Amino acid sequence: SHAIVDRFADARLLVLGEGGTVEIAHEALLRQWTALEGWLIEASGDLQLAVEIERSADAWTNNGEQEDRLLLRGERLAAAETLLRQDNFRQRLGPEREAYVAACRALAERVRREREAAEARASRWRRGVGWAVAALAIVVLVAGFKVYDQSRVNADTQVKLDLRGLQNAELSQSLGDRQQAL
């Protein structure tokens, strides 16, 4: 394929750029060469992503490699990593931009680990609260049974005292009646 590209470049239909890039010199080539048009349409998403990586990586480098400049996340990051596995795009992007994608991955992994740690802490806290509520419920139940049991004992004692009081009153009455009878 390099021989074909070189022949088109010699015929001034393609322009060879830095880093192995190839540009179309004449729009008529696109209209007449339908296979090329199909290839370009097929590769347009990759080309747009490569441009996005270039711009983002350059901004990251120019601003002191600040973490807030690491913009690739989720599906875009996965697509960028896939793109870098292709030799032609790896060569086009170069090691600086590859480092940018690696830094985006490192940030994504750190954020994932921090999120998982926070979720684990929250889960432990919820379990601890659950156990505390269960323990409190048991204490309240035991205290309730104690209060109920004590109130039954107090009621029984009061009944016995009332009964003794009545017996004593009857005995006093009976003794009083005998003394009057004598």
N, C-alpha and C. Protein backbone atom coordinates (compact mmCIF):
# COMPACT_ATOMS: atom_id res chain seq x y z
N SER A 1 0.82 -1.19 0.00
CA SER A 1 0.00 0.00 0.00
C SER A 1 0.87 1.26 0.00
N HIS A 2 2.09 1.19 0.56
CA HIS A 2 2.98 2.35 0.54
C HIS A 2 3.38 2.71 -0.89
N ALA A 3 3.55 1.69 -1.74
CA ALA A 3 3.93 1.95 -3.13
C ALA A 3 2.82 2.70 -3.86
N ILE A 4 1.58 2.31 -3.57
CA ILE A 4 0.45 2.99 -4.21
C ILE A 4 0.37 4.43 -3.73
N VAL A 5 0.53 4.63 -2.43
CA VAL A 5 0.49 5.98 -1.87
C VAL A 5 1.60 6.82 -2.48
N ASP A 6 2.79 6.25 -2.60
CA ASP A 6 3.92 7.00 -3.18
C ASP A 6 3.63 7.37 -4.63
N ARG A 7 3.03 6.47 -5.38
CA ARG A 7 2.73 6.76 -6.79
C ARG A 7 1.70 7.88 -6.89
N PHE A 8 0.67 7.86 -5.99
CA PHE A 8 -0.32 8.94 -6.00
C PHE A 8 0.31 10.26 -5.56
N ALA A 9 1.25 10.19 -4.63
CA ALA A 9 1.95 11.40 -4.20
C ALA A 9 2.79 11.95 -5.34
N ASP A 10 3.45 11.08 -6.09
CA ASP A 10 4.24 11.52 -7.24
C ASP A 10 3.34 12.15 -8.29
N ALA A 11 2.11 11.64 -8.42
CA ALA A 11 1.17 12.20 -9.39
C ALA A 11 0.44 13.42 -8.82
N ARG A 12 0.78 13.80 -7.60
CA ARG A 12 0.23 14.96 -6.90
C ARG A 12 -1.28 14.83 -6.65
N LEU A 13 -1.72 13.59 -6.46
CA LEU A 13 -3.11 13.35 -6.05
C LEU A 13 -3.22 13.28 -4.53
N LEU A 14 -2.14 12.88 -3.89
CA LEU A 14 -2.05 12.82 -2.43
C LEU A 14 -0.86 13.65 -1.98
N VAL A 15 -0.96 14.18 -0.75
CA VAL A 15 0.13 14.94 -0.16
C VAL A 15 0.58 14.19 1.08
N LEU A 16 1.87 13.90 1.17
CA LEU A 16 2.42 13.20 2.34
C LEU A 16 2.83 14.24 3.36
N GLY A 17 2.40 14.04 4.61
CA GLY A 17 2.71 14.97 5.68
C GLY A 17 3.62 14.34 6.71
N GLU A 18 3.88 15.10 7.77
CA GLU A 18 4.74 14.62 8.85
C GLU A 18 4.05 13.50 9.61
N GLY A 19 4.85 12.60 10.13
CA GLY A 19 4.31 11.51 10.94
C GLY A 19 3.56 10.48 10.13
N GLY A 20 3.78 10.45 8.82
CA GLY A 20 3.14 9.44 7.99
C GLY A 20 1.71 9.76 7.60
N THR A 21 1.29 11.02 7.77
CA THR A 21 -0.08 11.38 7.37
C THR A 21 -0.17 11.53 5.86
N VAL A 22 -1.35 11.27 5.35
CA VAL A 22 -1.61 11.39 3.92
C VAL A 22 -2.86 12.23 3.76
N GLU A 23 -2.78 13.26 2.90
CA GLU A 23 -3.93 14.11 2.65
C GLU A 23 -4.28 14.03 1.17
N ILE A 24 -5.55 14.22 0.90
CA ILE A 24 -6.01 14.19 -0.48
C ILE A 24 -5.78 15.57 -1.09
N ALA A 25 -5.17 15.61 -2.25
CA ALA A 25 -4.83 16.88 -2.89
C ALA A 25 -6.00 17.42 -3.70
N HIS A 26 -6.82 16.55 -4.26
CA HIS A 26 -7.91 16.99 -5.13
C HIS A 26 -9.21 16.35 -4.69
N GLU A 27 -10.24 17.18 -4.53
CA GLU A 27 -11.56 16.68 -4.14
C GLU A 27 -12.14 15.75 -5.21
N ALA A 28 -11.74 15.93 -6.43
CA ALA A 28 -12.23 15.08 -7.52
C ALA A 28 -11.85 13.62 -7.26
N LEU A 29 -10.75 13.41 -6.58
CA LEU A 29 -10.32 12.05 -6.26
C LEU A 29 -11.36 11.36 -5.38
N LEU A 30 -11.94 12.11 -4.45
CA LEU A 30 -12.98 11.55 -3.58
C LEU A 30 -14.22 11.17 -4.38
N ARG A 31 -14.61 12.03 -5.30
CA ARG A 31 -15.82 11.79 -6.07
C ARG A 31 -15.66 10.60 -7.02
N GLN A 32 -14.48 10.41 -7.54
CA GLN A 32 -14.27 9.37 -8.53
C GLN A 32 -13.85 8.03 -7.93
N TRP A 33 -13.21 8.08 -6.80
CA TRP A 33 -12.68 6.84 -6.20
C TRP A 33 -13.59 6.48 -5.02
N THR A 34 -14.64 5.73 -5.29
CA THR A 34 -15.64 5.42 -4.27
C THR A 34 -15.08 4.54 -3.15
N ALA A 35 -14.13 3.68 -3.47
CA ALA A 35 -13.53 2.85 -2.42
C ALA A 35 -12.79 3.73 -1.41
N LEU A 36 -12.08 4.73 -1.91
CA LEU A 36 -11.37 5.65 -1.02
C LEU A 36 -12.36 6.41 -0.15
N GLU A 37 -13.44 6.85 -0.77
CA GLU A 37 -14.46 7.56 0.00
C GLU A 37 -15.02 6.66 1.12
N GLY A 38 -15.26 5.39 0.79
CA GLY A 38 -15.74 4.45 1.81
C GLY A 38 -14.74 4.26 2.93
N TRP A 39 -13.47 4.15 2.57
CA TRP A 39 -12.42 4.00 3.59
C TRP A 39 -12.36 5.21 4.51
N LEU A 40 -12.48 6.40 3.89
CA LEU A 40 -12.42 7.63 4.69
C LEU A 40 -13.62 7.75 5.62
N ILE A 41 -14.79 7.38 5.10
CA ILE A 41 -16.00 7.42 5.95
C ILE A 41 -15.85 6.43 7.09
N GLU A 42 -15.34 5.25 6.78
CA GLU A 42 -15.15 4.22 7.80
C GLU A 42 -14.14 4.67 8.86
N ALA A 43 -13.12 5.38 8.43
CA ALA A 43 -12.05 5.81 9.35
C ALA A 43 -12.34 7.17 9.98
N SER A 44 -13.43 7.83 9.59
CA SER A 44 -13.67 9.19 10.08
C SER A 44 -13.80 9.25 11.60
N GLY A 45 -14.46 8.26 12.19
CA GLY A 45 -14.59 8.25 13.65
C GLY A 45 -13.23 8.14 14.33
N ASP A 46 -12.38 7.27 13.78
CA ASP A 46 -11.03 7.12 14.33
C ASP A 46 -10.23 8.41 14.14
N LEU A 47 -10.39 9.02 12.96
CA LEU A 47 -9.65 10.26 12.69
C LEU A 47 -10.11 11.38 13.62
N GLN A 48 -11.42 11.47 13.85
CA GLN A 48 -11.94 12.49 14.77
C GLN A 48 -11.43 12.25 16.18
N LEU A 49 -11.40 10.99 16.59
CA LEU A 49 -10.88 10.66 17.92
C LEU A 49 -9.40 11.00 18.02
N ALA A 50 -8.66 10.72 16.96
CA ALA A 50 -7.22 11.05 16.96
C ALA A 50 -7.02 12.56 17.11
N VAL A 51 -7.83 13.34 16.41
CA VAL A 51 -7.74 14.81 16.54
C VAL A 51 -8.10 15.23 17.96
N GLU A 52 -9.13 14.62 18.53
CA GLU A 52 -9.52 14.93 19.92
C GLU A 52 -8.38 14.60 20.89
N ILE A 53 -7.74 13.45 20.69
CA ILE A 53 -6.62 13.07 21.55
C ILE A 53 -5.48 14.07 21.40
N GLU A 54 -5.19 14.45 20.17
CA GLU A 54 -4.10 15.40 19.92
C GLU A 54 -4.36 16.72 20.64
N ARG A 55 -5.57 17.25 20.49
CA ARG A 55 -5.90 18.55 21.12
C ARG A 55 -5.87 18.44 22.64
N SER A 56 -6.51 17.40 23.17
CA SER A 56 -6.56 17.25 24.63
C SER A 56 -5.17 17.02 25.21
N ALA A 57 -4.38 16.17 24.55
CA ALA A 57 -3.03 15.88 25.04
C ALA A 57 -2.15 17.12 24.98
N ASP A 58 -2.28 17.89 23.91
CA ASP A 58 -1.48 19.12 23.79
C ASP A 58 -1.87 20.12 24.88
N ALA A 59 -3.17 20.27 25.14
CA ALA A 59 -3.62 21.18 26.21
C ALA A 59 -3.12 20.69 27.56
N TRP A 60 -3.14 19.40 27.78
CA TRP A 60 -2.65 18.81 29.04
C TRP A 60 -1.16 19.10 29.21
N THR A 61 -0.39 18.88 28.15
CA THR A 61 1.06 19.12 28.21
C THR A 61 1.35 20.61 28.40
N ASN A 62 0.65 21.47 27.65
CA ASN A 62 0.89 22.92 27.72
C ASN A 62 0.48 23.53 29.05
N ASN A 63 -0.36 22.84 29.81
CA ASN A 63 -0.82 23.36 31.10
C ASN A 63 -0.21 22.60 32.27
N GLY A 64 0.98 22.08 32.07
CA GLY A 64 1.71 21.45 33.18
C GLY A 64 1.16 20.09 33.58
N GLU A 65 0.52 19.41 32.66
CA GLU A 65 0.00 18.06 32.92
C GLU A 65 -0.91 18.03 34.15
N GLN A 66 -1.78 19.01 34.22
CA GLN A 66 -2.74 19.08 35.33
C GLN A 66 -3.80 18.01 35.19
N GLU A 67 -4.16 17.44 36.32
CA GLU A 67 -5.13 16.34 36.33
C GLU A 67 -6.48 16.75 35.77
N ASP A 68 -6.90 17.99 35.98
CA ASP A 68 -8.21 18.42 35.47
C ASP A 68 -8.24 18.53 33.95
N ARG A 69 -7.10 18.36 33.31
CA ARG A 69 -7.02 18.36 31.84
C ARG A 69 -7.11 16.95 31.26
N LEU A 70 -7.24 15.96 32.10
CA LEU A 70 -7.38 14.57 31.63
C LEU A 70 -8.85 14.34 31.32
N LEU A 71 -9.21 14.51 30.06
CA LEU A 71 -10.62 14.55 29.67
C LEU A 71 -11.20 13.23 29.20
N LEU A 72 -10.35 12.29 28.81
CA LEU A 72 -10.86 11.02 28.29
C LEU A 72 -11.35 10.13 29.43
N ARG A 73 -12.61 9.70 29.31
CA ARG A 73 -13.19 8.81 30.32
C ARG A 73 -14.14 7.84 29.64
N GLY A 74 -14.44 6.77 30.32
CA GLY A 74 -15.45 5.82 29.87
C GLY A 74 -15.20 5.27 28.48
N GLU A 75 -16.22 5.38 27.64
CA GLU A 75 -16.15 4.80 26.30
C GLU A 75 -15.12 5.50 25.43
N ARG A 76 -14.98 6.82 25.60
CA ARG A 76 -13.99 7.55 24.79
C ARG A 76 -12.58 7.09 25.14
N LEU A 77 -12.33 6.85 26.41
CA LEU A 77 -11.02 6.37 26.84
C LEU A 77 -10.76 4.98 26.27
N ALA A 78 -11.75 4.11 26.34
CA ALA A 78 -11.59 2.76 25.79
C ALA A 78 -11.34 2.82 24.28
N ALA A 79 -12.05 3.72 23.59
CA ALA A 79 -11.86 3.87 22.14
C ALA A 79 -10.46 4.40 21.85
N ALA A 80 -9.96 5.32 22.66
CA ALA A 80 -8.61 5.86 22.47
C ALA A 80 -7.56 4.77 22.67
N GLU A 81 -7.77 3.93 23.66
CA GLU A 81 -6.82 2.84 23.90
C GLU A 81 -6.84 1.84 22.74
N THR A 82 -8.02 1.59 22.20
CA THR A 82 -8.14 0.71 21.03
C THR A 82 -7.43 1.33 19.83
N LEU A 83 -7.62 2.63 19.66
CA LEU A 83 -6.99 3.34 18.56
C LEU A 83 -5.46 3.27 18.65
N LEU A 84 -4.94 3.38 19.85
CA LEU A 84 -3.48 3.34 20.04
C LEU A 84 -2.89 1.96 19.78
N ARG A 85 -3.72 0.94 19.74
CA ARG A 85 -3.21 -0.40 19.43
C ARG A 85 -2.97 -0.57 17.92
N GLN A 86 -3.45 0.39 17.15
CA GLN A 86 -3.21 0.38 15.70
C GLN A 86 -1.91 1.13 15.42
N ASP A 87 -1.00 0.47 14.74
CA ASP A 87 0.33 1.05 14.50
C ASP A 87 0.28 2.42 13.85
N ASN A 88 -0.57 2.58 12.84
CA ASN A 88 -0.60 3.86 12.14
C ASN A 88 -1.03 5.01 13.05
N PHE A 89 -2.00 4.77 13.93
CA PHE A 89 -2.43 5.83 14.84
C PHE A 89 -1.43 6.03 15.97
N ARG A 90 -0.80 4.95 16.42
CA ARG A 90 0.22 5.09 17.46
C ARG A 90 1.36 5.96 16.94
N GLN A 91 1.76 5.74 15.69
CA GLN A 91 2.82 6.55 15.10
C GLN A 91 2.36 7.99 14.93
N ARG A 92 1.13 8.18 14.49
CA ARG A 92 0.61 9.54 14.29
C ARG A 92 0.57 10.31 15.61
N LEU A 93 0.08 9.65 16.65
CA LEU A 93 -0.10 10.33 17.93
C LEU A 93 1.20 10.51 18.69
N GLY A 94 2.10 9.57 18.60
CA GLY A 94 3.40 9.69 19.26
C GLY A 94 3.36 9.37 20.74
N PRO A 95 4.55 9.30 21.34
CA PRO A 95 4.64 8.88 22.74
C PRO A 95 4.03 9.88 23.73
N GLU A 96 4.08 11.19 23.42
CA GLU A 96 3.52 12.18 24.36
C GLU A 96 2.01 12.01 24.50
N ARG A 97 1.36 11.78 23.36
CA ARG A 97 -0.09 11.62 23.40
C ARG A 97 -0.48 10.24 23.93
N GLU A 98 0.38 9.28 23.71
CA GLU A 98 0.15 7.96 24.31
C GLU A 98 0.26 8.07 25.83
N ALA A 99 1.20 8.89 26.30
CA ALA A 99 1.33 9.13 27.75
C ALA A 99 0.08 9.81 28.30
N TYR A 100 -0.51 10.69 27.50
CA TYR A 100 -1.74 11.36 27.91
C TYR A 100 -2.86 10.33 28.12
N VAL A 101 -3.02 9.41 27.17
CA VAL A 101 -4.06 8.38 27.27
C VAL A 101 -3.77 7.49 28.49
N ALA A 102 -2.51 7.17 28.73
CA ALA A 102 -2.14 6.35 29.89
C ALA A 102 -2.47 7.10 31.19
N ALA A 103 -2.24 8.41 31.21
CA ALA A 103 -2.57 9.20 32.40
C ALA A 103 -4.08 9.25 32.62
N CYS A 104 -4.85 9.32 31.53
CA CYS A 104 -6.31 9.28 31.64
C CYS A 104 -6.76 7.94 32.23
N ARG A 105 -6.14 6.84 31.79
CA ARG A 105 -6.47 5.51 32.32
C ARG A 105 -6.12 5.43 33.80
N ALA A 106 -4.94 5.95 34.17
CA ALA A 106 -4.52 5.90 35.58
C ALA A 106 -5.50 6.68 36.46
N LEU A 107 -5.94 7.85 35.97
CA LEU A 107 -6.94 8.63 36.72
C LEU A 107 -8.25 7.88 36.83
N ALA A 108 -8.70 7.27 35.75
CA ALA A 108 -9.96 6.52 35.77
C ALA A 108 -9.87 5.36 36.76
N GLU A 109 -8.74 4.68 36.80
CA GLU A 109 -8.57 3.57 37.74
C GLU A 109 -8.55 4.07 39.18
N ARG A 110 -7.87 5.19 39.42
CA ARG A 110 -7.83 5.74 40.78
C ARG A 110 -9.22 6.15 41.24
N VAL A 111 -9.97 6.80 40.36
CA VAL A 111 -11.34 7.21 40.69
C VAL A 111 -12.20 5.99 40.98
N ARG A 112 -12.04 4.92 40.17
CA ARG A 112 -12.80 3.69 40.39
C ARG A 112 -12.48 3.08 41.75
N ARG A 113 -11.17 3.01 42.09
CA ARG A 113 -10.78 2.45 43.39
C ARG A 113 -11.32 3.29 44.54
N GLU A 114 -11.27 4.63 44.41
CA GLU A 114 -11.79 5.50 45.47
C GLU A 114 -13.30 5.32 45.63
N ARG A 115 -14.00 5.18 44.50
CA ARG A 115 -15.45 4.98 44.56
C ARG A 115 -15.77 3.65 45.24
N GLU A 116 -15.03 2.61 44.88
CA GLU A 116 -15.26 1.30 45.50
C GLU A 116 -14.97 1.35 46.99
N ALA A 117 -13.90 2.06 47.38
CA ALA A 117 -13.57 2.17 48.81
C ALA A 117 -14.67 2.93 49.55
N ALA A 118 -15.19 3.99 48.94
CA ALA A 118 -16.27 4.77 49.57
C ALA A 118 -17.53 3.91 49.71
N GLU A 119 -17.82 3.12 48.67
CA GLU A 119 -18.99 2.24 48.74
C GLU A 119 -18.81 1.17 49.82
N ALA A 120 -17.59 0.67 49.96
CA ALA A 120 -17.32 -0.34 51.00
C ALA A 120 -17.48 0.28 52.39
N ARG A 121 -16.97 1.52 52.56
CA ARG A 121 -17.12 2.20 53.86
C ARG A 121 -18.60 2.43 54.17
N ALA A 122 -19.35 2.87 53.17
CA ALA A 122 -20.78 3.11 53.38
C ALA A 122 -21.50 1.81 53.71
N SER A 123 -21.12 0.74 53.07
CA SER A 123 -21.74 -0.56 53.34
C SER A 123 -21.43 -1.02 54.77
N ARG A 124 -20.17 -0.85 55.18
CA ARG A 124 -19.81 -1.22 56.57
C ARG A 124 -20.58 -0.35 57.56
N TRP A 125 -20.72 0.93 57.27
CA TRP A 125 -21.44 1.83 58.16
C TRP A 125 -22.90 1.41 58.26
N ARG A 126 -23.52 1.08 57.09
CA ARG A 126 -24.93 0.65 57.12
C ARG A 126 -25.08 -0.64 57.92
N ARG A 127 -24.13 -1.58 57.75
CA ARG A 127 -24.20 -2.83 58.54
C ARG A 127 -24.07 -2.52 60.03
N GLY A 128 -23.15 -1.62 60.39
CA GLY A 128 -22.97 -1.25 61.79
C GLY A 128 -24.21 -0.63 62.38
N VAL A 129 -24.85 0.25 61.61
CA VAL A 129 -26.10 0.86 62.07
C VAL A 129 -27.17 -0.21 62.21
N GLY A 130 -27.22 -1.15 61.29
CA GLY A 130 -28.20 -2.24 61.37
C GLY A 130 -28.02 -3.05 62.64
N TRP A 131 -26.76 -3.39 62.94
CA TRP A 131 -26.49 -4.16 64.16
C TRP A 131 -26.83 -3.34 65.40
N ALA A 132 -26.54 -2.05 65.37
CA ALA A 132 -26.85 -1.20 66.53
C ALA A 132 -28.35 -1.13 66.76
N VAL A 133 -29.11 -1.00 65.67
CA VAL A 133 -30.58 -0.96 65.78
C VAL A 133 -31.10 -2.29 66.32
N ALA A 134 -30.54 -3.39 65.84
CA ALA A 134 -30.96 -4.71 66.32
C ALA A 134 -30.65 -4.86 67.81
N ALA A 135 -29.46 -4.43 68.23
CA ALA A 135 -29.09 -4.52 69.64
C ALA A 135 -30.01 -3.64 70.49
N LEU A 136 -30.31 -2.45 70.01
CA LEU A 136 -31.20 -1.56 70.74
C LEU A 136 -32.59 -2.17 70.85
N ALA A 137 -33.06 -2.80 69.80
CA ALA A 137 -34.38 -3.45 69.84
C ALA A 137 -34.40 -4.57 70.87
N ILE A 138 -33.32 -5.33 70.94
CA ILE A 138 -33.23 -6.41 71.93
C ILE A 138 -33.25 -5.84 73.35
N VAL A 139 -32.48 -4.76 73.58
CA VAL A 139 -32.45 -4.12 74.90
C VAL A 139 -33.84 -3.62 75.27
N VAL A 140 -34.52 -2.99 74.34
CA VAL A 140 -35.87 -2.47 74.61
C VAL A 140 -36.82 -3.62 74.91
N LEU A 141 -36.72 -4.71 74.18
CA LEU A 141 -37.57 -5.87 74.42
C LEU A 141 -37.32 -6.46 75.80
N VAL A 142 -36.05 -6.64 76.13
CA VAL A 142 -35.71 -7.21 77.45
C VAL A 142 -36.20 -6.28 78.55
N ALA A 143 -35.99 -4.98 78.40
CA ALA A 143 -36.45 -4.03 79.40
C ALA A 143 -37.97 -4.05 79.51
N GLY A 144 -38.64 -4.17 78.37
CA GLY A 144 -40.11 -4.25 78.39
C GLY A 144 -40.59 -5.48 79.14
N PHE A 145 -39.96 -6.62 78.91
CA PHE A 145 -40.34 -7.83 79.65
C PHE A 145 -40.07 -7.67 81.14
N LYS A 146 -38.95 -7.05 81.48
CA LYS A 146 -38.63 -6.83 82.90
C LYS A 146 -39.70 -5.94 83.56
N VAL A 147 -40.06 -4.87 82.87
CA VAL A 147 -41.08 -3.96 83.41
C VAL A 147 -42.40 -4.70 83.57
N TYR A 148 -42.77 -5.46 82.56
CA TYR A 148 -44.02 -6.23 82.63
C TYR A 148 -43.97 -7.22 83.79
N ASP A 149 -42.86 -7.96 83.90
CA ASP A 149 -42.71 -8.95 84.97
C ASP A 149 -42.76 -8.26 86.33
N GLN A 150 -42.08 -7.13 86.46
CA GLN A 150 -42.06 -6.41 87.74
C GLN A 150 -43.46 -5.90 88.08
N SER A 151 -44.19 -5.44 87.06
CA SER A 151 -45.54 -4.94 87.35
C SER A 151 -46.45 -6.09 87.80
N ARG A 152 -46.25 -7.30 87.24
CA ARG A 152 -47.03 -8.46 87.70
C ARG A 152 -46.68 -8.80 89.14
N VAL A 153 -45.38 -8.78 89.46
CA VAL A 153 -44.95 -9.06 90.84
C VAL A 153 -45.54 -8.02 91.79
N ASN A 154 -45.49 -6.75 91.38
CA ASN A 154 -46.04 -5.68 92.22
C ASN A 154 -47.55 -5.86 92.40
N ALA A 155 -48.24 -6.25 91.33
CA ALA A 155 -49.69 -6.46 91.43
C ALA A 155 -49.99 -7.63 92.35
N ASP A 156 -49.23 -8.73 92.23
CA ASP A 156 -49.43 -9.87 93.12
C ASP A 156 -49.17 -9.48 94.56
N THR A 157 -48.12 -8.74 94.80
CA THR A 157 -47.79 -8.29 96.15
C THR A 157 -48.90 -7.42 96.71
N GLN A 158 -49.42 -6.52 95.86
CA GLN A 158 -50.50 -5.64 96.31
C GLN A 158 -51.75 -6.44 96.65
N VAL A 159 -52.05 -7.45 95.86
CA VAL A 159 -53.22 -8.30 96.14
C VAL A 159 -53.02 -9.01 97.48
N LYS A 160 -51.82 -9.53 97.71
CA LYS A 160 -51.53 -10.23 98.97
C LYS A 160 -51.65 -9.25 100.14
N LEU A 161 -51.10 -8.03 99.95
CA LEU A 161 -51.20 -7.04 101.03
C LEU A 161 -52.66 -6.66 101.31
N ASP A 162 -53.42 -6.50 100.24
CA ASP A 162 -54.83 -6.16 100.41
C ASP A 162 -55.57 -7.29 101.13
N LEU A 163 -55.23 -8.53 100.75
CA LEU A 163 -55.85 -9.68 101.38
C LEU A 163 -55.47 -9.74 102.86
N ARG A 164 -54.23 -9.53 103.19
CA ARG A 164 -53.79 -9.52 104.59
C ARG A 164 -54.47 -8.39 105.36
N GLY A 165 -54.57 -7.25 104.66
CA GLY A 165 -55.26 -6.12 105.31
C GLY A 165 -56.70 -6.46 105.64
N LEU A 166 -57.37 -7.15 104.73
CA LEU A 166 -58.75 -7.57 104.97
C LEU A 166 -58.80 -8.60 106.09
N GLN A 167 -57.84 -9.55 106.06
CA GLN A 167 -57.82 -10.57 107.11
C GLN A 167 -57.56 -9.90 108.47
N ASN A 168 -56.63 -8.97 108.49
CA ASN A 168 -56.35 -8.26 109.75
C ASN A 168 -57.56 -7.46 110.21
N ALA A 169 -58.26 -6.86 109.28
CA ALA A 169 -59.46 -6.09 109.64
C ALA A 169 -60.53 -7.02 110.19
N GLU A 170 -60.69 -8.18 109.56
CA GLU A 170 -61.68 -9.15 110.03
C GLU A 170 -61.28 -9.67 111.41
N LEU A 171 -59.99 -9.93 111.58
CA LEU A 171 -59.51 -10.42 112.86
C LEU A 171 -59.72 -9.36 113.95
N SER A 172 -59.43 -8.12 113.61
CA SER A 172 -59.64 -7.03 114.57
C SER A 172 -61.11 -6.89 114.90
N GLN A 173 -61.92 -7.01 113.89
CA GLN A 173 -63.36 -6.94 114.10
C GLN A 173 -63.81 -8.08 115.00
N SER A 174 -63.31 -9.26 114.73
CA SER A 174 -63.68 -10.44 115.48
C SER A 174 -63.22 -10.29 116.92
N LEU A 175 -62.02 -9.80 117.13
CA LEU A 175 -61.51 -9.59 118.48
C LEU A 175 -62.31 -8.50 119.20
N GLY A 176 -62.64 -7.49 118.46
CA GLY A 176 -63.45 -6.39 119.05
C GLY A 176 -64.82 -6.89 119.47
N ASP A 177 -65.39 -7.78 118.65
CA ASP A 177 -66.70 -8.34 118.98
C ASP A 177 -66.60 -9.21 120.22
N ARG A 178 -65.56 -9.97 120.38
CA ARG A 178 -65.40 -10.83 121.55
C ARG A 178 -65.18 -10.01 122.80
N GLN A 179 -64.46 -8.96 122.68
CA GLN A 179 -64.24 -8.15 123.86
C GLN A 179 -65.52 -7.47 124.30
N GLN A 180 -66.33 -7.13 123.39
CA GLN A 180 -67.60 -6.54 123.75
C GLN A 180 -68.51 -7.61 124.35
N ALA A 181 -68.39 -8.79 123.88
CA ALA A 181 -69.23 -9.86 124.37
C ALA A 181 -68.80 -10.21 125.80
N LEU A 182 -67.69 -10.03 126.20
CA LEU A 182 -67.21 -10.38 127.53
C LEU A 182 -67.58 -9.27 128.44
